């Protein structure tokens, strides 16, 4: 595999990222990209939104591999 092949190896998944992440094995992902909605986009109160952000961050870091 060439360096060019490695950089072009990706998959686009259109799904609820939290549900998708919950299904993945811990520390199994080499990379991950998502957009986290603003509070006004999800119609949440501040406390609920902070909980939501913490869940997002926890899941992302828990599922990411420590190795490239």
N, C-alpha and C. Protein backbone atom coordinates (compact mmCIF):
# COMPACT_ATOMS: atom_id res chain seq x y z
N UNK A 1 0.85 -1.17 0.00
CA UNK A 1 0.00 0.00 0.00
C UNK A 1 0.90 1.24 0.00
N UNK A 2 0.59 2.20 -0.83
CA UNK A 2 1.37 3.43 -0.88
C UNK A 2 0.82 4.44 0.13
N UNK A 3 1.59 5.50 0.35
CA UNK A 3 1.11 6.56 1.23
C UNK A 3 -0.20 7.16 0.72
N UNK A 4 -0.32 7.27 -0.60
CA UNK A 4 -1.53 7.81 -1.21
C UNK A 4 -2.73 6.90 -0.90
N UNK A 5 -2.54 5.58 -0.93
CA UNK A 5 -3.63 4.65 -0.63
C UNK A 5 -4.10 4.80 0.82
N UNK A 6 -3.17 4.99 1.74
CA UNK A 6 -3.52 5.12 3.15
C UNK A 6 -4.37 6.37 3.37
N UNK A 7 -4.01 7.46 2.75
CA UNK A 7 -4.73 8.71 2.97
C UNK A 7 -6.10 8.73 2.27
N UNK A 8 -6.32 7.86 1.32
CA UNK A 8 -7.60 7.82 0.61
C UNK A 8 -8.52 6.72 1.13
N UNK A 9 -8.17 6.10 2.22
CA UNK A 9 -8.96 5.01 2.77
C UNK A 9 -9.91 5.56 3.83
N UNK A 10 -11.16 5.81 3.46
CA UNK A 10 -12.13 6.33 4.41
C UNK A 10 -13.52 5.84 4.04
N UNK A 11 -14.41 5.95 5.00
CA UNK A 11 -15.80 5.54 4.80
C UNK A 11 -16.70 6.65 5.34
N UNK A 12 -17.69 7.02 4.58
CA UNK A 12 -18.65 8.04 5.02
C UNK A 12 -19.91 7.33 5.51
N UNK A 13 -20.30 7.63 6.73
CA UNK A 13 -21.49 7.01 7.33
C UNK A 13 -22.43 8.13 7.74
N UNK A 14 -23.65 8.08 7.25
CA UNK A 14 -24.67 9.06 7.63
C UNK A 14 -25.58 8.39 8.66
N UNK A 15 -25.37 8.76 9.93
CA UNK A 15 -26.11 8.13 11.02
C UNK A 15 -26.04 9.03 12.24
N UNK A 16 -26.84 8.70 13.23
CA UNK A 16 -26.75 9.36 14.53
C UNK A 16 -25.42 8.95 15.14
N UNK A 17 -24.51 9.89 15.30
CA UNK A 17 -23.15 9.54 15.72
C UNK A 17 -23.10 8.94 17.12
N UNK A 18 -23.96 9.38 18.02
CA UNK A 18 -23.93 8.80 19.37
C UNK A 18 -24.37 7.34 19.36
N UNK A 19 -25.42 7.04 18.64
CA UNK A 19 -25.87 5.64 18.54
C UNK A 19 -24.80 4.79 17.86
N UNK A 20 -24.20 5.34 16.79
CA UNK A 20 -23.16 4.63 16.06
C UNK A 20 -21.96 4.36 16.95
N UNK A 21 -21.53 5.37 17.71
CA UNK A 21 -20.38 5.20 18.60
C UNK A 21 -20.64 4.18 19.70
N UNK A 22 -21.86 4.20 20.25
CA UNK A 22 -22.20 3.27 21.33
C UNK A 22 -22.06 1.82 20.89
N UNK A 23 -22.24 1.55 19.61
CA UNK A 23 -22.15 0.19 19.08
C UNK A 23 -20.71 -0.27 18.83
N UNK A 24 -19.76 0.67 18.84
CA UNK A 24 -18.37 0.34 18.54
C UNK A 24 -17.65 -0.14 19.79
N UNK A 25 -16.67 -1.02 19.57
CA UNK A 25 -15.84 -1.52 20.66
C UNK A 25 -14.95 -0.38 21.17
N UNK A 26 -14.72 -0.35 22.47
CA UNK A 26 -13.85 0.67 23.06
C UNK A 26 -12.46 0.63 22.42
N UNK A 27 -11.90 1.79 22.18
CA UNK A 27 -10.54 1.98 21.64
C UNK A 27 -10.35 1.32 20.28
N UNK A 28 -11.41 1.23 19.49
CA UNK A 28 -11.33 0.52 18.21
C UNK A 28 -11.23 1.45 16.99
N UNK A 29 -11.42 2.74 17.17
CA UNK A 29 -11.46 3.64 16.02
C UNK A 29 -10.16 4.42 15.88
N UNK A 30 -9.62 4.45 14.67
CA UNK A 30 -8.41 5.20 14.41
C UNK A 30 -8.69 6.67 14.17
N UNK A 31 -9.86 6.97 13.64
CA UNK A 31 -10.24 8.36 13.41
C UNK A 31 -11.76 8.45 13.39
N UNK A 32 -12.24 9.67 13.61
CA UNK A 32 -13.68 9.88 13.70
C UNK A 32 -13.94 11.37 13.54
N UNK A 33 -14.94 11.70 12.75
CA UNK A 33 -15.29 13.10 12.54
C UNK A 33 -16.80 13.24 12.65
N UNK A 34 -17.24 14.19 13.44
CA UNK A 34 -18.68 14.44 13.57
C UNK A 34 -18.89 15.92 13.85
N UNK A 35 -20.09 16.34 13.72
CA UNK A 35 -20.47 17.69 14.10
C UNK A 35 -21.41 17.61 15.28
N UNK A 36 -21.10 18.34 16.33
CA UNK A 36 -21.95 18.35 17.52
C UNK A 36 -22.86 19.58 17.41
N UNK A 37 -24.17 19.38 17.48
CA UNK A 37 -25.10 20.50 17.28
C UNK A 37 -25.02 21.54 18.40
N UNK A 38 -25.31 22.77 18.04
CA UNK A 38 -25.42 23.84 19.02
C UNK A 38 -26.66 23.61 19.89
N UNK A 39 -26.65 24.21 21.07
CA UNK A 39 -27.75 24.02 22.02
C UNK A 39 -29.10 24.39 21.41
N UNK A 40 -29.16 25.47 20.66
CA UNK A 40 -30.44 25.89 20.08
C UNK A 40 -30.92 24.95 18.97
N UNK A 41 -30.03 24.16 18.41
CA UNK A 41 -30.43 23.20 17.37
C UNK A 41 -31.09 21.96 17.94
N UNK A 42 -30.80 21.64 19.18
CA UNK A 42 -31.37 20.44 19.80
C UNK A 42 -32.46 20.76 20.82
N UNK A 43 -32.77 22.06 20.98
CA UNK A 43 -33.85 22.50 21.86
C UNK A 43 -33.69 21.93 23.27
N UNK A 44 -32.51 22.09 23.85
CA UNK A 44 -32.25 21.60 25.21
C UNK A 44 -32.03 22.78 26.16
N UNK A 45 -32.33 22.53 27.43
CA UNK A 45 -31.98 23.49 28.47
C UNK A 45 -30.48 23.35 28.73
N UNK A 46 -29.88 24.35 29.35
CA UNK A 46 -28.44 24.39 29.55
C UNK A 46 -27.91 23.14 30.27
N UNK A 47 -28.54 22.74 31.36
CA UNK A 47 -28.07 21.56 32.11
C UNK A 47 -28.12 20.29 31.26
N UNK A 48 -29.20 20.14 30.49
CA UNK A 48 -29.32 18.98 29.61
C UNK A 48 -28.27 19.01 28.50
N UNK A 49 -28.00 20.19 27.97
CA UNK A 49 -27.02 20.32 26.90
C UNK A 49 -25.61 20.01 27.42
N UNK A 50 -25.29 20.45 28.63
CA UNK A 50 -23.98 20.14 29.21
C UNK A 50 -23.83 18.63 29.39
N UNK A 51 -24.88 17.98 29.85
CA UNK A 51 -24.87 16.51 29.97
C UNK A 51 -24.66 15.86 28.61
N UNK A 52 -25.34 16.36 27.60
CA UNK A 52 -25.21 15.86 26.23
C UNK A 52 -23.77 16.02 25.73
N UNK A 53 -23.17 17.18 25.95
CA UNK A 53 -21.78 17.42 25.51
C UNK A 53 -20.81 16.48 26.21
N UNK A 54 -21.02 16.27 27.49
CA UNK A 54 -20.15 15.34 28.24
C UNK A 54 -20.27 13.93 27.70
N UNK A 55 -21.49 13.52 27.37
CA UNK A 55 -21.69 12.19 26.80
C UNK A 55 -20.97 12.08 25.46
N UNK A 56 -21.09 13.10 24.63
CA UNK A 56 -20.41 13.11 23.33
C UNK A 56 -18.90 12.98 23.51
N UNK A 57 -18.33 13.81 24.36
CA UNK A 57 -16.88 13.77 24.58
C UNK A 57 -16.41 12.45 25.14
N UNK A 58 -17.12 11.93 26.12
CA UNK A 58 -16.76 10.66 26.73
C UNK A 58 -16.77 9.54 25.71
N UNK A 59 -17.82 9.45 24.91
CA UNK A 59 -17.92 8.40 23.90
C UNK A 59 -16.81 8.51 22.86
N UNK A 60 -16.56 9.71 22.38
CA UNK A 60 -15.53 9.90 21.35
C UNK A 60 -14.17 9.44 21.87
N UNK A 61 -13.77 9.90 23.06
CA UNK A 61 -12.46 9.52 23.59
C UNK A 61 -12.39 8.05 23.99
N UNK A 62 -13.49 7.48 24.42
CA UNK A 62 -13.51 6.06 24.81
C UNK A 62 -13.37 5.14 23.60
N UNK A 63 -13.87 5.56 22.47
CA UNK A 63 -13.86 4.71 21.28
C UNK A 63 -12.61 4.88 20.43
N UNK A 64 -11.87 5.95 20.63
CA UNK A 64 -10.68 6.22 19.81
C UNK A 64 -9.50 5.39 20.27
N UNK A 65 -8.74 4.89 19.30
CA UNK A 65 -7.53 4.13 19.58
C UNK A 65 -6.43 5.09 20.01
N UNK A 66 -5.52 4.62 20.81
CA UNK A 66 -4.35 5.41 21.20
C UNK A 66 -3.27 5.39 20.13
N UNK A 67 -3.47 4.61 19.09
CA UNK A 67 -2.47 4.44 18.05
C UNK A 67 -3.00 4.94 16.72
N UNK A 68 -2.12 5.53 15.90
CA UNK A 68 -2.58 6.01 14.58
C UNK A 68 -2.98 4.87 13.67
